[in-house]
Amino acid sequence: MTYELLFVYGTLMSGFSAHAFLMDSQFISHGILYGARLIHLPQGFPGALEGEGKIVGEVYRVDRLTLKAIDLYEDYNEELTEESLFIRKLKPVKLIPLNEWIEAWVYIFNKELLEEFTEIPLGNWREFIEKLL
């Protein structure tokens, strides 16, 4: 079976609504995605945008079937990326506290569909949501 690494920063993280997708996946480490900024959308979930900043999240080892299921959840279609809500890209992620770099898939919000949002300056959605509630 083929496995991939996936960096998650929002509802797919442990303790959140979509984490069930990763129940059978191996948690690797906490991580940081550099060269991206985090936003919170009015629909109640976050999105990553390429640019200055960093995002805190979790890295999982997933099989191809799990990745395809998450593609559907994230409204990603590799044949129609311009119409997808999120676009899955391979990005370098720094593992914490291991202090090593890996390549992982990350769902980047399709900026063409961007309207209203709230900037999350520290790049940590878990902390943002805890303060919001």
N, C-alpha and C. Protein backbone atom coordinates (compact mmCIF):
# COMPACT_ATOMS: atom_id res chain seq x y z
N MET A 1 0.84 -1.18 0.00
CA MET A 1 0.00 0.00 0.00
C MET A 1 0.89 1.25 0.00
N THR A 2 0.47 2.25 -0.76
CA THR A 2 1.20 3.50 -0.85
C THR A 2 0.69 4.49 0.19
N TYR A 3 1.62 5.16 0.85
CA TYR A 3 1.26 6.15 1.86
C TYR A 3 1.81 7.52 1.47
N GLU A 4 1.12 8.54 1.93
CA GLU A 4 1.51 9.93 1.70
C GLU A 4 1.54 10.65 3.04
N LEU A 5 2.23 11.77 3.12
CA LEU A 5 2.19 12.61 4.31
C LEU A 5 1.24 13.76 4.04
N LEU A 6 0.42 14.08 5.05
CA LEU A 6 -0.58 15.13 4.93
C LEU A 6 -0.46 16.08 6.12
N PHE A 7 -0.35 17.37 5.84
CA PHE A 7 -0.32 18.41 6.86
C PHE A 7 -1.73 18.99 6.97
N VAL A 8 -2.29 18.96 8.19
CA VAL A 8 -3.63 19.51 8.42
C VAL A 8 -3.55 20.64 9.45
N TYR A 9 -4.42 21.63 9.30
CA TYR A 9 -4.34 22.83 10.15
C TYR A 9 -5.69 23.32 10.64
N GLY A 10 -6.76 22.58 10.35
CA GLY A 10 -8.10 23.04 10.71
C GLY A 10 -8.99 21.92 11.21
N THR A 11 -10.12 21.76 10.57
CA THR A 11 -11.13 20.80 11.03
C THR A 11 -10.66 19.35 10.98
N LEU A 12 -9.58 19.07 10.26
CA LEU A 12 -9.04 17.70 10.22
C LEU A 12 -8.11 17.39 11.40
N MET A 13 -7.74 18.41 12.18
CA MET A 13 -6.86 18.18 13.33
C MET A 13 -7.60 17.41 14.43
N SER A 14 -6.82 16.79 15.31
CA SER A 14 -7.41 16.05 16.42
C SER A 14 -8.29 16.97 17.25
N GLY A 15 -9.44 16.44 17.65
CA GLY A 15 -10.37 17.20 18.46
C GLY A 15 -11.39 18.00 17.68
N PHE A 16 -11.30 18.01 16.35
CA PHE A 16 -12.24 18.78 15.54
C PHE A 16 -13.13 17.86 14.69
N SER A 17 -14.15 18.45 14.09
CA SER A 17 -15.24 17.73 13.45
C SER A 17 -14.84 16.73 12.37
N ALA A 18 -13.85 17.02 11.57
CA ALA A 18 -13.50 16.15 10.44
C ALA A 18 -12.34 15.20 10.75
N HIS A 19 -11.90 15.17 11.99
CA HIS A 19 -10.76 14.30 12.34
C HIS A 19 -11.07 12.82 12.11
N ALA A 20 -12.34 12.47 12.04
CA ALA A 20 -12.73 11.08 11.79
C ALA A 20 -12.11 10.54 10.50
N PHE A 21 -11.85 11.41 9.53
CA PHE A 21 -11.19 10.98 8.29
C PHE A 21 -9.82 10.37 8.57
N LEU A 22 -9.18 10.80 9.67
CA LEU A 22 -7.80 10.37 9.97
C LEU A 22 -7.73 9.32 11.08
N MET A 23 -8.86 8.75 11.47
CA MET A 23 -8.90 7.78 12.57
C MET A 23 -7.96 6.60 12.34
N ASP A 24 -7.84 6.15 11.10
CA ASP A 24 -6.99 5.00 10.79
C ASP A 24 -5.61 5.42 10.29
N SER A 25 -5.30 6.69 10.38
CA SER A 25 -4.00 7.20 9.91
C SER A 25 -3.06 7.41 11.08
N GLN A 26 -1.77 7.31 10.80
CA GLN A 26 -0.76 7.46 11.85
C GLN A 26 -0.38 8.92 12.03
N PHE A 27 -0.48 9.41 13.28
CA PHE A 27 -0.01 10.74 13.61
C PHE A 27 1.51 10.70 13.58
N ILE A 28 2.14 11.62 12.86
CA ILE A 28 3.60 11.67 12.76
C ILE A 28 4.18 12.69 13.73
N SER A 29 3.65 13.93 13.68
CA SER A 29 4.23 14.99 14.50
C SER A 29 3.41 16.27 14.34
N HIS A 30 3.62 17.20 15.23
CA HIS A 30 3.14 18.56 15.00
C HIS A 30 4.10 19.17 13.99
N GLY A 31 3.62 20.17 13.25
CA GLY A 31 4.48 20.76 12.23
C GLY A 31 4.15 22.21 11.97
N ILE A 32 5.03 22.85 11.21
CA ILE A 32 4.84 24.24 10.80
C ILE A 32 5.02 24.33 9.29
N LEU A 33 4.05 24.95 8.65
CA LEU A 33 4.13 25.25 7.23
C LEU A 33 4.53 26.72 7.11
N TYR A 34 5.69 26.97 6.53
CA TYR A 34 6.16 28.34 6.30
C TYR A 34 5.76 28.77 4.90
N GLY A 35 5.72 30.08 4.67
CA GLY A 35 5.36 30.59 3.35
C GLY A 35 3.88 30.52 3.09
N ALA A 36 3.10 30.61 4.19
CA ALA A 36 1.65 30.56 4.08
C ALA A 36 1.04 31.35 5.23
N ARG A 37 -0.15 31.86 5.00
CA ARG A 37 -0.86 32.54 6.08
C ARG A 37 -2.22 31.89 6.26
N LEU A 38 -2.74 32.00 7.47
CA LEU A 38 -3.99 31.32 7.82
C LEU A 38 -5.12 32.33 7.91
N ILE A 39 -6.26 31.95 7.35
CA ILE A 39 -7.45 32.79 7.43
C ILE A 39 -8.61 31.95 7.98
N HIS A 40 -9.59 32.63 8.56
CA HIS A 40 -10.82 32.00 9.03
C HIS A 40 -11.94 32.52 8.14
N LEU A 41 -12.71 31.61 7.57
CA LEU A 41 -13.76 31.98 6.63
C LEU A 41 -15.11 32.07 7.35
N PRO A 42 -16.05 32.88 6.83
CA PRO A 42 -17.36 33.05 7.47
C PRO A 42 -18.12 31.73 7.63
N GLN A 43 -17.80 30.72 6.81
CA GLN A 43 -18.47 29.42 6.89
C GLN A 43 -18.04 28.64 8.13
N GLY A 44 -17.02 29.14 8.87
CA GLY A 44 -16.63 28.50 10.12
C GLY A 44 -15.41 27.61 10.04
N PHE A 45 -14.67 27.66 8.96
CA PHE A 45 -13.46 26.84 8.84
C PHE A 45 -12.30 27.69 8.33
N PRO A 46 -11.07 27.20 8.52
CA PRO A 46 -9.90 27.97 8.07
C PRO A 46 -9.48 27.62 6.65
N GLY A 47 -8.59 28.45 6.14
CA GLY A 47 -7.97 28.18 4.85
C GLY A 47 -6.55 28.71 4.86
N ALA A 48 -5.68 28.04 4.14
CA ALA A 48 -4.29 28.48 4.00
C ALA A 48 -4.17 29.22 2.68
N LEU A 49 -3.43 30.32 2.73
CA LEU A 49 -3.11 31.08 1.51
C LEU A 49 -1.60 31.15 1.39
N GLU A 50 -1.09 31.00 0.19
CA GLU A 50 0.35 31.14 0.00
C GLU A 50 0.74 32.59 0.22
N GLY A 51 1.88 32.80 0.88
CA GLY A 51 2.33 34.15 1.16
C GLY A 51 3.20 34.17 2.40
N GLU A 52 3.41 35.37 2.95
CA GLU A 52 4.25 35.53 4.13
C GLU A 52 3.54 34.99 5.36
N GLY A 53 4.27 34.25 6.19
CA GLY A 53 3.71 33.77 7.44
C GLY A 53 3.99 32.31 7.67
N LYS A 54 3.33 31.77 8.70
CA LYS A 54 3.47 30.35 9.01
C LYS A 54 2.16 29.84 9.60
N ILE A 55 1.97 28.53 9.46
CA ILE A 55 0.76 27.88 9.96
C ILE A 55 1.17 26.69 10.80
N VAL A 56 0.55 26.57 11.96
CA VAL A 56 0.80 25.46 12.88
C VAL A 56 -0.23 24.37 12.61
N GLY A 57 0.22 23.12 12.59
CA GLY A 57 -0.72 22.03 12.33
C GLY A 57 -0.17 20.68 12.74
N GLU A 58 -0.74 19.63 12.16
CA GLU A 58 -0.38 18.24 12.47
C GLU A 58 -0.07 17.50 11.16
N VAL A 59 0.84 16.55 11.24
CA VAL A 59 1.21 15.74 10.07
C VAL A 59 0.78 14.30 10.31
N TYR A 60 0.13 13.72 9.30
CA TYR A 60 -0.34 12.33 9.36
C TYR A 60 0.17 11.55 8.16
N ARG A 61 0.33 10.26 8.37
CA ARG A 61 0.67 9.32 7.29
C ARG A 61 -0.65 8.71 6.85
N VAL A 62 -1.05 8.97 5.60
CA VAL A 62 -2.35 8.53 5.10
C VAL A 62 -2.19 7.64 3.87
N ASP A 63 -3.16 6.75 3.68
CA ASP A 63 -3.14 5.95 2.45
C ASP A 63 -3.87 6.71 1.35
N ARG A 64 -3.74 6.22 0.13
CA ARG A 64 -4.32 6.92 -1.03
C ARG A 64 -5.84 7.03 -0.94
N LEU A 65 -6.50 6.00 -0.41
CA LEU A 65 -7.95 6.02 -0.28
C LEU A 65 -8.39 7.12 0.69
N THR A 66 -7.69 7.26 1.80
CA THR A 66 -8.00 8.33 2.76
C THR A 66 -7.78 9.69 2.12
N LEU A 67 -6.70 9.83 1.39
CA LEU A 67 -6.41 11.11 0.72
C LEU A 67 -7.52 11.46 -0.28
N LYS A 68 -8.00 10.48 -1.01
CA LYS A 68 -9.08 10.72 -1.98
C LYS A 68 -10.37 11.11 -1.27
N ALA A 69 -10.65 10.49 -0.12
CA ALA A 69 -11.85 10.84 0.66
C ALA A 69 -11.74 12.28 1.16
N ILE A 70 -10.55 12.67 1.61
CA ILE A 70 -10.35 14.03 2.09
C ILE A 70 -10.42 15.03 0.93
N ASP A 71 -9.96 14.61 -0.26
CA ASP A 71 -10.13 15.46 -1.45
C ASP A 71 -11.60 15.83 -1.64
N LEU A 72 -12.49 14.84 -1.49
CA LEU A 72 -13.92 15.11 -1.64
C LEU A 72 -14.41 16.06 -0.55
N TYR A 73 -13.99 15.82 0.68
CA TYR A 73 -14.38 16.68 1.81
C TYR A 73 -13.92 18.12 1.58
N GLU A 74 -12.71 18.29 1.06
CA GLU A 74 -12.14 19.62 0.84
C GLU A 74 -12.57 20.23 -0.49
N ASP A 75 -13.46 19.53 -1.22
CA ASP A 75 -13.95 20.00 -2.50
C ASP A 75 -12.80 20.25 -3.48
N TYR A 76 -11.88 19.27 -3.52
CA TYR A 76 -10.73 19.35 -4.43
C TYR A 76 -10.91 18.34 -5.55
N ASN A 77 -10.81 18.83 -6.79
CA ASN A 77 -10.88 17.97 -7.97
C ASN A 77 -9.64 18.27 -8.81
N GLU A 78 -8.73 17.30 -8.90
CA GLU A 78 -7.48 17.56 -9.60
C GLU A 78 -7.68 17.82 -11.09
N GLU A 79 -8.84 17.46 -11.63
CA GLU A 79 -9.13 17.74 -13.03
C GLU A 79 -9.67 19.15 -13.23
N LEU A 80 -10.26 19.74 -12.17
CA LEU A 80 -10.87 21.07 -12.26
C LEU A 80 -10.39 21.93 -11.10
N THR A 81 -9.08 22.12 -10.99
CA THR A 81 -8.54 22.84 -9.84
C THR A 81 -9.08 24.27 -9.74
N GLU A 82 -9.33 24.92 -10.88
CA GLU A 82 -9.80 26.31 -10.84
C GLU A 82 -11.18 26.43 -10.21
N GLU A 83 -11.95 25.34 -10.21
CA GLU A 83 -13.28 25.36 -9.61
C GLU A 83 -13.29 24.74 -8.20
N SER A 84 -12.17 24.19 -7.77
CA SER A 84 -12.08 23.55 -6.46
C SER A 84 -12.00 24.59 -5.35
N LEU A 85 -12.62 24.29 -4.20
CA LEU A 85 -12.56 25.19 -3.06
C LEU A 85 -11.14 25.21 -2.49
N PHE A 86 -10.52 24.03 -2.41
CA PHE A 86 -9.13 23.90 -1.97
C PHE A 86 -8.33 23.21 -3.06
N ILE A 87 -7.05 23.53 -3.12
CA ILE A 87 -6.14 22.90 -4.08
C ILE A 87 -5.06 22.19 -3.28
N ARG A 88 -4.88 20.88 -3.53
CA ARG A 88 -3.89 20.10 -2.79
C ARG A 88 -2.52 20.25 -3.44
N LYS A 89 -1.53 20.69 -2.63
CA LYS A 89 -0.18 20.90 -3.14
C LYS A 89 0.84 20.27 -2.21
N LEU A 90 1.96 19.81 -2.77
CA LEU A 90 3.07 19.32 -1.96
C LEU A 90 3.89 20.52 -1.49
N LYS A 91 4.11 20.57 -0.17
CA LYS A 91 4.84 21.70 0.42
C LYS A 91 5.84 21.19 1.46
N PRO A 92 6.94 21.92 1.67
CA PRO A 92 7.85 21.55 2.75
C PRO A 92 7.25 21.95 4.11
N VAL A 93 7.32 21.03 5.05
CA VAL A 93 6.79 21.25 6.40
C VAL A 93 7.87 20.88 7.40
N LYS A 94 8.04 21.73 8.41
CA LYS A 94 9.02 21.46 9.46
C LYS A 94 8.34 20.71 10.60
N LEU A 95 8.87 19.52 10.94
CA LEU A 95 8.32 18.74 12.03
C LEU A 95 8.83 19.27 13.36
N ILE A 96 7.93 19.34 14.34
CA ILE A 96 8.29 19.80 15.68
C ILE A 96 8.00 18.66 16.65
N PRO A 97 8.77 18.31 17.57
CA PRO A 97 10.05 18.89 17.93
C PRO A 97 11.23 18.22 17.23
N LEU A 98 10.97 17.42 16.22
CA LEU A 98 12.02 16.66 15.56
C LEU A 98 13.01 17.54 14.80
N ASN A 99 12.60 18.76 14.48
CA ASN A 99 13.46 19.71 13.78
C ASN A 99 13.97 19.16 12.45
N GLU A 100 13.09 18.46 11.74
CA GLU A 100 13.46 17.99 10.40
C GLU A 100 12.37 18.40 9.42
N TRP A 101 12.75 18.47 8.15
CA TRP A 101 11.83 18.89 7.09
C TRP A 101 11.34 17.69 6.31
N ILE A 102 10.07 17.72 5.95
CA ILE A 102 9.47 16.68 5.11
C ILE A 102 8.64 17.37 4.02
N GLU A 103 8.24 16.63 3.02
CA GLU A 103 7.30 17.11 2.01
C GLU A 103 5.95 16.49 2.36
N ALA A 104 4.93 17.33 2.44
CA ALA A 104 3.59 16.84 2.78
C ALA A 104 2.55 17.53 1.90
N TRP A 105 1.44 16.85 1.70
CA TRP A 105 0.32 17.47 1.00
C TRP A 105 -0.34 18.46 1.92
N VAL A 106 -0.74 19.59 1.36
CA VAL A 106 -1.44 20.65 2.10
C VAL A 106 -2.58 21.14 1.22
N TYR A 107 -3.73 21.39 1.86
CA TYR A 107 -4.86 21.97 1.12
C TYR A 107 -4.78 23.49 1.23
N ILE A 108 -4.57 24.13 0.09
CA ILE A 108 -4.47 25.59 -0.02
C ILE A 108 -5.81 26.12 -0.54
N PHE A 109 -6.34 27.14 0.12
CA PHE A 109 -7.62 27.71 -0.31
C PHE A 109 -7.46 28.36 -1.68
N ASN A 110 -8.44 28.12 -2.55
CA ASN A 110 -8.43 28.69 -3.89
C ASN A 110 -8.75 30.19 -3.79
N LYS A 111 -7.72 31.01 -3.91
CA LYS A 111 -7.89 32.46 -3.71
C LYS A 111 -8.86 33.09 -4.71
N GLU A 112 -9.12 32.41 -5.81
CA GLU A 112 -10.08 32.92 -6.79
C GLU A 112 -11.50 32.93 -6.22
N LEU A 113 -11.75 32.09 -5.20
CA LEU A 113 -13.07 32.01 -4.60
C LEU A 113 -13.17 32.80 -3.30
N LEU A 114 -12.11 33.53 -2.97
CA LEU A 114 -12.02 34.24 -1.70
C LEU A 114 -12.84 35.51 -1.71
N GLU A 115 -13.66 35.68 -0.68
CA GLU A 115 -14.42 36.92 -0.51
C GLU A 115 -14.11 37.49 0.87
N GLU A 116 -14.90 37.15 1.87
CA GLU A 116 -14.68 37.65 3.23
C GLU A 116 -13.84 36.66 4.02
N PHE A 117 -13.00 37.19 4.93
CA PHE A 117 -12.23 36.32 5.81
C PHE A 117 -11.67 37.14 6.96
N THR A 118 -11.24 36.43 8.00
CA THR A 118 -10.56 37.03 9.14
C THR A 118 -9.14 36.48 9.15
N GLU A 119 -8.16 37.35 9.23
CA GLU A 119 -6.76 36.93 9.29
C GLU A 119 -6.48 36.31 10.66
N ILE A 120 -5.75 35.20 10.70
CA ILE A 120 -5.32 34.58 11.95
C ILE A 120 -3.82 34.84 12.05
N PRO A 121 -3.42 35.92 12.73
CA PRO A 121 -2.02 36.38 12.68
C PRO A 121 -0.99 35.38 13.21
N LEU A 122 -1.32 34.55 14.18
CA LEU A 122 -0.33 33.60 14.71
C LEU A 122 -0.36 32.26 13.99
N GLY A 123 -1.26 32.09 13.03
CA GLY A 123 -1.28 30.87 12.22
C GLY A 123 -1.70 29.62 12.96
N ASN A 124 -2.43 29.78 14.07
CA ASN A 124 -2.84 28.62 14.87
C ASN A 124 -4.36 28.65 15.02
N TRP A 125 -5.06 27.80 14.24
CA TRP A 125 -6.52 27.80 14.23
C TRP A 125 -7.08 27.29 15.55
N ARG A 126 -6.43 26.31 16.18
CA ARG A 126 -6.91 25.78 17.46
C ARG A 126 -6.98 26.91 18.50
N GLU A 127 -5.93 27.70 18.63
CA GLU A 127 -5.93 28.83 19.57
C GLU A 127 -6.98 29.87 19.20
N PHE A 128 -7.11 30.14 17.93
CA PHE A 128 -8.09 31.12 17.44
C PHE A 128 -9.50 30.70 17.82
N ILE A 129 -9.84 29.44 17.58
CA ILE A 129 -11.19 28.92 17.87
C ILE A 129 -11.45 28.91 19.37
N GLU A 130 -10.46 28.51 20.17
CA GLU A 130 -10.64 28.48 21.62
C GLU A 130 -10.95 29.87 22.16
N LYS A 131 -10.32 30.91 21.61
CA LYS A 131 -10.59 32.28 22.05
C LYS A 131 -11.95 32.76 21.57
N LEU A 132 -12.38 32.24 20.42
CA LEU A 132 -13.66 32.63 19.83
C LEU A 132 -14.83 32.07 20.62
N LEU A 133 -14.65 30.88 21.18
CA LEU A 133 -15.76 30.20 21.88
C LEU A 133 -15.91 30.58 23.31
